[in-house]
Amino acid sequence: MKARVYVMLKAGVLDPQGEAVRHALGSLGFDGVEGVRQGKVIELDLAEDTTEETVTQMCEKLLANTVIESYRVEME
């Protein structure tokens, strides 16, 4: 079984990496980019009996900093 965890900074939290990407895109001639938010995707290979609740606990304890980040779990 696989799980994907999508982690993004919460709205209102400054994203210096996203801003650097936006600036670089502008320098390369892509003028229509008004904002960039950068996140991460974590892919987990899990035992078949692993529940979404268990993955959520992983996120809460390690995979996401829930003070400044939000996350979404997709199970396959």
PDB file of N, CA and C in Angstrom:
ATOM      1  N   MET A   1       0.854  -1.168   0.000  1.00  0.00           N
ATOM      2  CA  MET A   1       0.000   0.000   0.000  1.00  0.00           C
ATOM      3  C   MET A   1       0.905   1.237   0.000  1.00  0.00           C
ATOM      4  N   LYS A   2       0.444   2.255  -0.691  1.00  0.00           N
ATOM      5  CA  LYS A   2       1.186   3.518  -0.729  1.00  0.00           C
ATOM      6  C   LYS A   2       0.320   4.633  -0.139  1.00  0.00           C
ATOM      7  N   ALA A   3       1.010   5.596   0.437  1.00  0.00           N
ATOM      8  CA  ALA A   3       0.351   6.825   0.888  1.00  0.00           C
ATOM      9  C   ALA A   3       1.197   7.984   0.394  1.00  0.00           C
ATOM     10  N   ARG A   4       0.531   9.041   0.002  1.00  0.00           N
ATOM     11  CA  ARG A   4       1.214  10.286  -0.353  1.00  0.00           C
ATOM     12  C   ARG A   4       0.744  11.352   0.621  1.00  0.00           C
ATOM     13  N   VAL A   5       1.703  12.093   1.134  1.00  0.00           N
ATOM     14  CA  VAL A   5       1.409  13.196   2.043  1.00  0.00           C
ATOM     15  C   VAL A   5       1.881  14.471   1.363  1.00  0.00           C
ATOM     16  N   TYR A   6       0.958  15.399   1.168  1.00  0.00           N
ATOM     17  CA  TYR A   6       1.255  16.691   0.563  1.00  0.00           C
ATOM     18  C   TYR A   6       1.331  17.715   1.686  1.00  0.00           C
ATOM     19  N   VAL A   7       2.471  18.382   1.815  1.00  0.00           N
ATOM     20  CA  VAL A   7       2.693  19.343   2.888  1.00  0.00           C
ATOM     21  C   VAL A   7       2.937  20.715   2.273  1.00  0.00           C
ATOM     22  N   MET A   8       2.203  21.709   2.746  1.00  0.00           N
ATOM     23  CA  MET A   8       2.353  23.090   2.266  1.00  0.00           C
ATOM     24  C   MET A   8       2.363  24.033   3.461  1.00  0.00           C
ATOM     25  N   LEU A   9       3.027  25.171   3.281  1.00  0.00           N
ATOM     26  CA  LEU A   9       2.946  26.202   4.308  1.00  0.00           C
ATOM     27  C   LEU A   9       1.516  26.728   4.377  1.00  0.00           C
ATOM     28  N   LYS A  10       1.078  27.034   5.581  1.00  0.00           N
ATOM     29  CA  LYS A  10      -0.265  27.592   5.753  1.00  0.00           C
ATOM     30  C   LYS A  10      -0.330  28.984   5.135  1.00  0.00           C
ATOM     31  N   ALA A  11      -1.550  29.382   4.779  1.00  0.00           N
ATOM     32  CA  ALA A  11      -1.765  30.732   4.242  1.00  0.00           C
ATOM     33  C   ALA A  11      -1.290  31.755   5.272  1.00  0.00           C
ATOM     34  N   GLY A  12      -0.627  32.780   4.809  1.00  0.00           N
ATOM     35  CA  GLY A  12      -0.145  33.824   5.701  1.00  0.00           C
ATOM     36  C   GLY A  12       1.275  33.603   6.208  1.00  0.00           C
ATOM     37  N   VAL A  13       1.817  32.394   6.026  1.00  0.00           N
ATOM     38  CA  VAL A  13       3.199  32.114   6.422  1.00  0.00           C
ATOM     39  C   VAL A  13       4.095  32.469   5.243  1.00  0.00           C
ATOM     40  N   LEU A  14       5.124  33.268   5.484  1.00  0.00           N
ATOM     41  CA  LEU A  14       6.032  33.670   4.417  1.00  0.00           C
ATOM     42  C   LEU A  14       6.728  32.454   3.817  1.00  0.00           C
ATOM     43  N   ASP A  15       6.893  32.474   2.505  1.00  0.00           N
ATOM     44  CA  ASP A  15       7.503  31.364   1.783  1.00  0.00           C
ATOM     45  C   ASP A  15       8.701  31.902   0.989  1.00  0.00           C
ATOM     46  N   PRO A  16       9.878  32.020   1.624  1.00  0.00           N
ATOM     47  CA  PRO A  16      11.023  32.594   0.923  1.00  0.00           C
ATOM     48  C   PRO A  16      11.474  31.755  -0.276  1.00  0.00           C
ATOM     49  N   GLN A  17      11.350  30.439  -0.212  1.00  0.00           N
ATOM     50  CA  GLN A  17      11.721  29.614  -1.363  1.00  0.00           C
ATOM     51  C   GLN A  17      10.772  29.868  -2.531  1.00  0.00           C
ATOM     52  N   GLY A  18       9.491  29.954  -2.244  1.00  0.00           N
ATOM     53  CA  GLY A  18       8.517  30.249  -3.286  1.00  0.00           C
ATOM     54  C   GLY A  18       8.770  31.606  -3.920  1.00  0.00           C
ATOM     55  N   GLU A  19       9.120  32.580  -3.095  1.00  0.00           N
ATOM     56  CA  GLU A  19       9.408  33.924  -3.609  1.00  0.00           C
ATOM     57  C   GLU A  19      10.660  33.912  -4.484  1.00  0.00           C
ATOM     58  N   ALA A  20      11.665  33.128  -4.101  1.00  0.00           N
ATOM     59  CA  ALA A  20      12.880  33.015  -4.915  1.00  0.00           C
ATOM     60  C   ALA A  20      12.561  32.385  -6.269  1.00  0.00           C
ATOM     61  N   VAL A  21      11.692  31.380  -6.286  1.00  0.00           N
ATOM     62  CA  VAL A  21      11.297  30.747  -7.542  1.00  0.00           C
ATOM     63  C   VAL A  21      10.528  31.739  -8.418  1.00  0.00           C
ATOM     64  N   ARG A  22       9.604  32.488  -7.802  1.00  0.00           N
ATOM     65  CA  ARG A  22       8.846  33.491  -8.554  1.00  0.00           C
ATOM     66  C   ARG A  22       9.778  34.517  -9.184  1.00  0.00           C
ATOM     67  N   HIS A  23      10.742  34.985  -8.416  1.00  0.00           N
ATOM     68  CA  HIS A  23      11.698  35.971  -8.924  1.00  0.00           C
ATOM     69  C   HIS A  23      12.532  35.377 -10.070  1.00  0.00           C
ATOM     70  N   ALA A  24      12.997  34.142  -9.906  1.00  0.00           N
ATOM     71  CA  ALA A  24      13.801  33.495 -10.944  1.00  0.00           C
ATOM     72  C   ALA A  24      12.996  33.301 -12.222  1.00  0.00           C
ATOM     73  N   LEU A  25      11.728  32.927 -12.091  1.00  0.00           N
ATOM     74  CA  LEU A  25      10.885  32.763 -13.279  1.00  0.00           C
ATOM     75  C   LEU A  25      10.732  34.091 -14.019  1.00  0.00           C
ATOM     76  N   GLY A  26      10.569  35.180 -13.250  1.00  0.00           N
ATOM     77  CA  GLY A  26      10.493  36.503 -13.868  1.00  0.00           C
ATOM     78  C   GLY A  26      11.773  36.844 -14.606  1.00  0.00           C
ATOM     79  N   SER A  27      12.909  36.493 -14.012  1.00  0.00           N
ATOM     80  CA  SER A  27      14.203  36.758 -14.656  1.00  0.00           C
ATOM     81  C   SER A  27      14.375  35.968 -15.941  1.00  0.00           C
ATOM     82  N   LEU A  28      13.694  34.841 -16.037  1.00  0.00           N
ATOM     83  CA  LEU A  28      13.769  34.007 -17.239  1.00  0.00           C
ATOM     84  C   LEU A  28      12.721  34.394 -18.288  1.00  0.00           C
ATOM     85  N   GLY A  29      11.977  35.462 -18.015  1.00  0.00           N
ATOM     86  CA  GLY A  29      11.018  35.952 -18.989  1.00  0.00           C
ATOM     87  C   GLY A  29       9.586  35.496 -18.772  1.00  0.00           C
ATOM     88  N   PHE A  30       9.311  34.793 -17.702  1.00  0.00           N
ATOM     89  CA  PHE A  30       7.945  34.356 -17.390  1.00  0.00           C
ATOM     90  C   PHE A  30       7.285  35.414 -16.508  1.00  0.00           C
ATOM     91  N   ASP A  31       6.765  36.445 -17.149  1.00  0.00           N
ATOM     92  CA  ASP A  31       6.276  37.616 -16.424  1.00  0.00           C
ATOM     93  C   ASP A  31       4.906  37.434 -15.777  1.00  0.00           C
ATOM     94  N   GLY A  32       4.138  36.430 -16.175  1.00  0.00           N
ATOM     95  CA  GLY A  32       2.777  36.294 -15.665  1.00  0.00           C
ATOM     96  C   GLY A  32       2.669  35.604 -14.317  1.00  0.00           C
ATOM     97  N   VAL A  33       3.781  35.223 -13.690  1.00  0.00           N
ATOM     98  CA  VAL A  33       3.724  34.503 -12.418  1.00  0.00           C
ATOM     99  C   VAL A  33       3.626  35.519 -11.284  1.00  0.00           C
ATOM    100  N   GLU A  34       2.499  35.537 -10.598  1.00  0.00           N
ATOM    101  CA  GLU A  34       2.273  36.507  -9.535  1.00  0.00           C
ATOM    102  C   GLU A  34       2.580  35.967  -8.144  1.00  0.00           C
ATOM    103  N   GLY A  35       2.654  34.654  -8.000  1.00  0.00           N
ATOM    104  CA  GLY A  35       2.973  34.084  -6.703  1.00  0.00           C
ATOM    105  C   GLY A  35       3.326  32.618  -6.833  1.00  0.00           C
ATOM    106  N   VAL A  36       4.189  32.148  -5.954  1.00  0.00           N
ATOM    107  CA  VAL A  36       4.589  30.734  -5.924  1.00  0.00           C
ATOM    108  C   VAL A  36       4.603  30.287  -4.473  1.00  0.00           C
ATOM    109  N   ARG A  37       4.011  29.137  -4.203  1.00  0.00           N
ATOM    110  CA  ARG A  37       4.092  28.491  -2.894  1.00  0.00           C
ATOM    111  C   ARG A  37       4.775  27.155  -3.124  1.00  0.00           C
ATOM    112  N   GLN A  38       5.797  26.878  -2.352  1.00  0.00           N
ATOM    113  CA  GLN A  38       6.537  25.640  -2.519  1.00  0.00           C
ATOM    114  C   GLN A  38       6.199  24.703  -1.369  1.00  0.00           C
ATOM    115  N   GLY A  39       6.019  23.428  -1.697  1.00  0.00           N
ATOM    116  CA  GLY A  39       5.722  22.433  -0.674  1.00  0.00           C
ATOM    117  C   GLY A  39       6.530  21.181  -0.911  1.00  0.00           C
ATOM    118  N   LYS A  40       6.078  20.111  -0.296  1.00  0.00           N
ATOM    119  CA  LYS A  40       6.778  18.836  -0.477  1.00  0.00           C
ATOM    120  C   LYS A  40       5.765  17.703  -0.538  1.00  0.00           C
ATOM    121  N   VAL A  41       6.175  16.633  -1.203  1.00  0.00           N
ATOM    122  CA  VAL A  41       5.380  15.416  -1.297  1.00  0.00           C
ATOM    123  C   VAL A  41       6.208  14.306  -0.665  1.00  0.00           C
ATOM    124  N   ILE A  42       5.603  13.577   0.247  1.00  0.00           N
ATOM    125  CA  ILE A  42       6.263  12.452   0.898  1.00  0.00           C
ATOM    126  C   ILE A  42       5.503  11.199   0.495  1.00  0.00           C
ATOM    127  N   GLU A  43       6.201  10.239  -0.099  1.00  0.00           N
ATOM    128  CA  GLU A  43       5.575   8.998  -0.534  1.00  0.00           C
ATOM    129  C   GLU A  43       6.017   7.882   0.414  1.00  0.00           C
ATOM    130  N   LEU A  44       5.048   7.177   0.957  1.00  0.00           N
ATOM    131  CA  LEU A  44       5.320   6.117   1.931  1.00  0.00           C
ATOM    132  C   LEU A  44       4.881   4.771   1.365  1.00  0.00           C
ATOM    133  N   ASP A  45       5.733   3.766   1.464  1.00  0.00           N
ATOM    134  CA  ASP A  45       5.356   2.383   1.178  1.00  0.00           C
ATOM    135  C   ASP A  45       5.007   1.741   2.516  1.00  0.00           C
ATOM    136  N   LEU A  46       3.775   1.274   2.638  1.00  0.00           N
ATOM    137  CA  LEU A  46       3.260   0.820   3.928  1.00  0.00           C
ATOM    138  C   LEU A  46       2.758  -0.610   3.863  1.00  0.00           C
ATOM    139  N   ALA A  47       2.677  -1.245   5.024  1.00  0.00           N
ATOM    140  CA  ALA A  47       2.039  -2.551   5.125  1.00  0.00           C
ATOM    141  C   ALA A  47       0.567  -2.406   4.756  1.00  0.00           C
ATOM    142  N   GLU A  48      -0.021  -3.455   4.189  1.00  0.00           N
ATOM    143  CA  GLU A  48      -1.394  -3.401   3.687  1.00  0.00           C
ATOM    144  C   GLU A  48      -2.422  -3.021   4.759  1.00  0.00           C
ATOM    145  N   ASP A  49      -2.152  -3.325   6.001  1.00  0.00           N
ATOM    146  CA  ASP A  49      -3.135  -3.053   7.052  1.00  0.00           C
ATOM    147  C   ASP A  49      -2.970  -1.675   7.698  1.00  0.00           C
ATOM    148  N   THR A  50      -2.092  -0.838   7.143  1.00  0.00           N
ATOM    149  CA  THR A  50      -1.886   0.507   7.689  1.00  0.00           C
ATOM    150  C   THR A  50      -3.095   1.379   7.381  1.00  0.00           C
ATOM    151  N   THR A  51      -3.575   2.077   8.383  1.00  0.00           N
ATOM    152  CA  THR A  51      -4.770   2.913   8.219  1.00  0.00           C
ATOM    153  C   THR A  51      -4.388   4.367   7.954  1.00  0.00           C
ATOM    154  N   GLU A  52      -5.335   5.106   7.420  1.00  0.00           N
ATOM    155  CA  GLU A  52      -5.126   6.539   7.205  1.00  0.00           C
ATOM    156  C   GLU A  52      -4.910   7.243   8.540  1.00  0.00           C
ATOM    157  N   GLU A  53      -5.557   6.753   9.574  1.00  0.00           N
ATOM    158  CA  GLU A  53      -5.374   7.333  10.916  1.00  0.00           C
ATOM    159  C   GLU A  53      -3.907   7.224  11.355  1.00  0.00           C
ATOM    160  N   THR A  54      -3.277   6.103  11.046  1.00  0.00           N
ATOM    161  CA  THR A  54      -1.864   5.920  11.385  1.00  0.00           C
ATOM    162  C   THR A  54      -0.995   6.918  10.618  1.00  0.00           C
ATOM    163  N   VAL A  55      -1.279   7.117   9.345  1.00  0.00           N
ATOM    164  CA  VAL A  55      -0.513   8.081   8.544  1.00  0.00           C
ATOM    165  C   VAL A  55      -0.741   9.490   9.085  1.00  0.00           C
ATOM    166  N   THR A  56      -1.944   9.796   9.483  1.00  0.00           N
ATOM    167  CA  THR A  56      -2.237  11.101  10.080  1.00  0.00           C
ATOM    168  C   THR A  56      -1.405  11.305  11.345  1.00  0.00           C
ATOM    169  N   GLN A  57      -1.277  10.276  12.150  1.00  0.00           N
ATOM    170  CA  GLN A  57      -0.446  10.371  13.352  1.00  0.00           C
ATOM    171  C   GLN A  57       1.015  10.625  12.982  1.00  0.00           C
ATOM    172  N   MET A  58       1.481   9.985  11.902  1.00  0.00           N
ATOM    173  CA  MET A  58       2.849  10.223  11.426  1.00  0.00           C
ATOM    174  C   MET A  58       3.032  11.694  11.070  1.00  0.00           C
ATOM    175  N   CYS A  59       2.037  12.257  10.393  1.00  0.00           N
ATOM    176  CA  CYS A  59       2.101  13.666   9.989  1.00  0.00           C
ATOM    177  C   CYS A  59       2.145  14.577  11.210  1.00  0.00           C
ATOM    178  N   GLU A  60       1.275  14.307  12.157  1.00  0.00           N
ATOM    179  CA  GLU A  60       1.182  15.143  13.353  1.00  0.00           C
ATOM    180  C   GLU A  60       2.465  15.094  14.192  1.00  0.00           C
ATOM    181  N   LYS A  61       3.132  13.946  14.197  1.00  0.00           N
ATOM    182  CA  LYS A  61       4.311  13.772  15.054  1.00  0.00           C
ATOM    183  C   LYS A  61       5.637  14.087  14.368  1.00  0.00           C
ATOM    184  N   LEU A  62       5.702  13.936  13.019  1.00  0.00           N
ATOM    185  CA  LEU A  62       7.001  14.085  12.369  1.00  0.00           C
ATOM    186  C   LEU A  62       6.968  14.750  10.991  1.00  0.00           C
ATOM    187  N   LEU A  63       6.065  14.339  10.135  1.00  0.00           N
ATOM    188  CA  LEU A  63       6.161  14.706   8.724  1.00  0.00           C
ATOM    189  C   LEU A  63       5.786  16.154   8.424  1.00  0.00           C
ATOM    190  N   ALA A  64       4.972  16.773   9.272  1.00  0.00           N
ATOM    191  CA  ALA A  64       4.565  18.163   9.049  1.00  0.00           C
ATOM    192  C   ALA A  64       4.724  18.952  10.345  1.00  0.00           C
ATOM    193  N   ASN A  65       5.164  20.176  10.209  1.00  0.00           N
ATOM    194  CA  ASN A  65       5.192  21.092  11.347  1.00  0.00           C
ATOM    195  C   ASN A  65       3.824  21.776  11.368  1.00  0.00           C
ATOM    196  N   THR A  66       2.912  21.253  12.164  1.00  0.00           N
ATOM    197  CA  THR A  66       1.519  21.697  12.101  1.00  0.00           C
ATOM    198  C   THR A  66       1.303  23.120  12.604  1.00  0.00           C
ATOM    199  N   VAL A  67       2.327  23.741  13.161  1.00  0.00           N
ATOM    200  CA  VAL A  67       2.213  25.146  13.553  1.00  0.00           C
ATOM    201  C   VAL A  67       2.178  26.025  12.303  1.00  0.00           C
ATOM    202  N   ILE A  68       3.010  25.677  11.307  1.00  0.00           N
ATOM    203  CA  ILE A  68       3.112  26.526  10.117  1.00  0.00           C
ATOM    204  C   ILE A  68       2.740  25.808   8.820  1.00  0.00           C
ATOM    205  N   GLU A  69       2.506  24.484   8.892  1.00  0.00           N
ATOM    206  CA  GLU A  69       2.221  23.718   7.671  1.00  0.00           C
ATOM    207  C   GLU A  69       0.882  22.990   7.780  1.00  0.00           C
ATOM    208  N   SER A  70       0.244  22.840   6.639  1.00  0.00           N
ATOM    209  CA  SER A  70      -0.934  21.976   6.544  1.00  0.00           C
ATOM    210  C   SER A  70      -0.548  20.771   5.703  1.00  0.00           C
ATOM    211  N   TYR A  71      -1.325  19.710   5.806  1.00  0.00           N
ATOM    212  CA  TYR A  71      -1.016  18.508   5.044  1.00  0.00           C
ATOM    213  C   TYR A  71      -2.295  17.832   4.589  1.00  0.00           C
ATOM    214  N   ARG A  72      -2.138  17.005   3.563  1.00  0.00           N
ATOM    215  CA  ARG A  72      -3.241  16.211   3.014  1.00  0.00           C
ATOM    216  C   ARG A  72      -2.705  14.832   2.724  1.00  0.00           C
ATOM    217  N   VAL A  73      -3.482  13.806   3.086  1.00  0.00           N
ATOM    218  CA  VAL A  73      -3.068  12.425   2.917  1.00  0.00           C
ATOM    219  C   VAL A  73      -3.909  11.787   1.819  1.00  0.00           C
ATOM    220  N   GLU A  74      -3.242  11.060   0.899  1.00  0.00           N
ATOM    221  CA  GLU A  74      -3.925  10.246  -0.107  1.00  0.00           C
ATOM    222  C   GLU A  74      -3.423   8.821   0.040  1.00  0.00           C
ATOM    223  N   MET A  75      -4.355   7.883   0.202  1.00  0.00           N
ATOM    224  CA  MET A  75      -4.003   6.474   0.319  1.00  0.00           C
ATOM    225  C   MET A  75      -4.316   5.778  -0.998  1.00  0.00           C
ATOM    226  N   GLU A  76      -3.444   4.866  -1.421  1.00  0.00           N
ATOM    227  CA  GLU A  76      -3.680   4.068  -2.647  1.00  0.00           C
ATOM    228  C   GLU A  76      -3.854   2.621  -2.274  1.00  0.00           C
TER     229      GLU A  76
END
